[in-house]
C-alpha atoms as a PDB file:
ATOM      1  CA  MET A   1       2.394 -37.282 -58.664  1.00  0.00           C
ATOM      2  CA  ALA A   2       4.619 -36.098 -55.789  1.00  0.00           C
ATOM      3  CA  ALA A   3       2.981 -34.469 -52.660  1.00  0.00           C
ATOM      4  CA  SER A   4       3.544 -31.047 -52.119  1.00  0.00           C
ATOM      5  CA  GLN A   5       5.198 -29.868 -49.091  1.00  0.00           C
ATOM      6  CA  VAL A   6       2.739 -28.162 -46.359  1.00  0.00           C
ATOM      7  CA  TYR A   7       4.306 -25.716 -43.937  1.00  0.00           C
ATOM      8  CA  VAL A   8       3.432 -26.009 -40.423  1.00  0.00           C
ATOM      9  CA  PHE A   9       3.837 -23.398 -38.014  1.00  0.00           C
ATOM     10  CA  GLY A  10       1.986 -22.719 -34.642  1.00  0.00           C
ATOM     11  CA  PRO A  11      -1.785 -23.724 -35.113  1.00  0.00           C
ATOM     12  CA  PHE A  12      -1.486 -22.658 -38.877  1.00  0.00           C
ATOM     13  CA  HIS A  13      -0.328 -24.691 -41.732  1.00  0.00           C
ATOM     14  CA  TYR A  14       0.108 -23.168 -45.565  1.00  0.00           C
ATOM     15  CA  ASP A  15      -0.668 -25.554 -48.493  1.00  0.00           C
ATOM     16  CA  PRO A  16       1.508 -23.965 -51.461  1.00  0.00           C
ATOM     17  CA  GLU A  17      -0.270 -26.191 -54.257  1.00  0.00           C
ATOM     18  CA  GLN A  18      -3.731 -24.787 -53.171  1.00  0.00           C
ATOM     19  CA  ARG A  19      -2.367 -21.417 -52.128  1.00  0.00           C
ATOM     20  CA  LEU A  20      -4.411 -21.625 -48.579  1.00  0.00           C
ATOM     21  CA  LEU A  21      -3.575 -21.003 -45.052  1.00  0.00           C
ATOM     22  CA  PHE A  22      -5.566 -23.111 -42.528  1.00  0.00           C
ATOM     23  CA  ARG A  23      -5.729 -22.311 -38.676  1.00  0.00           C
ATOM     24  CA  GLN A  24      -7.077 -25.325 -36.726  1.00  0.00           C
ATOM     25  CA  GLY A  25      -8.112 -26.920 -39.930  1.00  0.00           C
ATOM     26  CA  GLU A  26     -10.453 -23.812 -40.947  1.00  0.00           C
ATOM     27  CA  VAL A  27      -9.380 -21.663 -44.197  1.00  0.00           C
ATOM     28  CA  VAL A  28      -8.001 -18.076 -43.159  1.00  0.00           C
ATOM     29  CA  PRO A  29      -9.365 -15.500 -45.472  1.00  0.00           C
ATOM     30  CA  LEU A  30      -6.570 -13.791 -47.044  1.00  0.00           C
ATOM     31  CA  VAL A  31      -6.613 -11.347 -50.454  1.00  0.00           C
ATOM     32  CA  PRO A  32      -4.268 -12.427 -52.920  1.00  0.00           C
ATOM     33  CA  LYS A  33      -1.103  -9.992 -52.306  1.00  0.00           C
ATOM     34  CA  ALA A  34      -1.351 -11.536 -48.705  1.00  0.00           C
ATOM     35  CA  ILE A  35      -1.095 -15.052 -50.121  1.00  0.00           C
ATOM     36  CA  ASP A  36       1.401 -14.048 -52.583  1.00  0.00           C
ATOM     37  CA  THR A  37       3.357 -12.781 -49.482  1.00  0.00           C
ATOM     38  CA  LEU A  38       3.109 -15.432 -47.120  1.00  0.00           C
ATOM     39  CA  HIS A  39       4.500 -17.832 -50.219  1.00  0.00           C
ATOM     40  CA  VAL A  40       7.399 -16.073 -50.872  1.00  0.00           C
ATOM     41  CA  LEU A  41       8.391 -15.577 -47.370  1.00  0.00           C
ATOM     42  CA  LEU A  42       7.906 -19.340 -46.881  1.00  0.00           C
ATOM     43  CA  GLU A  43       9.675 -20.285 -49.969  1.00  0.00           C
ATOM     44  CA  ARG A  44      12.844 -18.397 -48.958  1.00  0.00           C
ATOM     45  CA  ARG A  45      12.646 -18.650 -45.393  1.00  0.00           C
ATOM     46  CA  GLY A  46      15.762 -17.729 -43.728  1.00  0.00           C
ATOM     47  CA  PRO A  47      17.314 -14.731 -41.713  1.00  0.00           C
ATOM     48  CA  VAL A  48      15.723 -11.389 -42.715  1.00  0.00           C
ATOM     49  CA  GLY A  49      17.437  -7.787 -41.591  1.00  0.00           C
ATOM     50  CA  ALA A  50      20.182  -5.908 -42.305  1.00  0.00           C
ATOM     51  CA  GLY A  51      22.215  -7.734 -45.200  1.00  0.00           C
ATOM     52  CA  CYS A  52      19.244  -9.199 -46.936  1.00  0.00           C
ATOM     53  CA  HIS A  53      19.047  -8.376 -50.453  1.00  0.00           C
ATOM     54  CA  GLY A  54      22.130  -5.948 -50.263  1.00  0.00           C
ATOM     55  CA  ASN A  55      20.620  -3.675 -47.878  1.00  0.00           C
ATOM     56  CA  ARG A  56      23.417  -3.707 -45.439  1.00  0.00           C
ATOM     57  CA  GLY A  57      23.377  -0.900 -43.064  1.00  0.00           C
ATOM     58  CA  TRP A  58      19.800   0.252 -44.209  1.00  0.00           C
ATOM     59  CA  ARG A  59      17.834   1.891 -41.368  1.00  0.00           C
ATOM     60  CA  TRP A  60      14.205   1.553 -40.855  1.00  0.00           C
ATOM     61  CA  SER A  61      14.882   5.327 -39.821  1.00  0.00           C
ATOM     62  CA  ARG A  62      14.572   6.056 -43.138  1.00  0.00           C
ATOM     63  CA  LEU A  63      10.912   5.543 -43.561  1.00  0.00           C
ATOM     64  CA  SER A  64      10.005   8.307 -41.139  1.00  0.00           C
ATOM     65  CA  ARG A  65      10.415  11.189 -42.707  1.00  0.00           C
END
């Protein structure tokens, strides 16, 4: 059985196989949607911003209506 990748960042580590986030060895309680979001962000990590997903030129100001 191959070991799954564990993501480590600052005092946190995320185990995608268990779908658990730990901070200094303690489980961080998160709702399922937060775990889903964290999982996607870590699996597809890279630059986020203009140009991502075809949104070149999209501005946050469009949200302030």
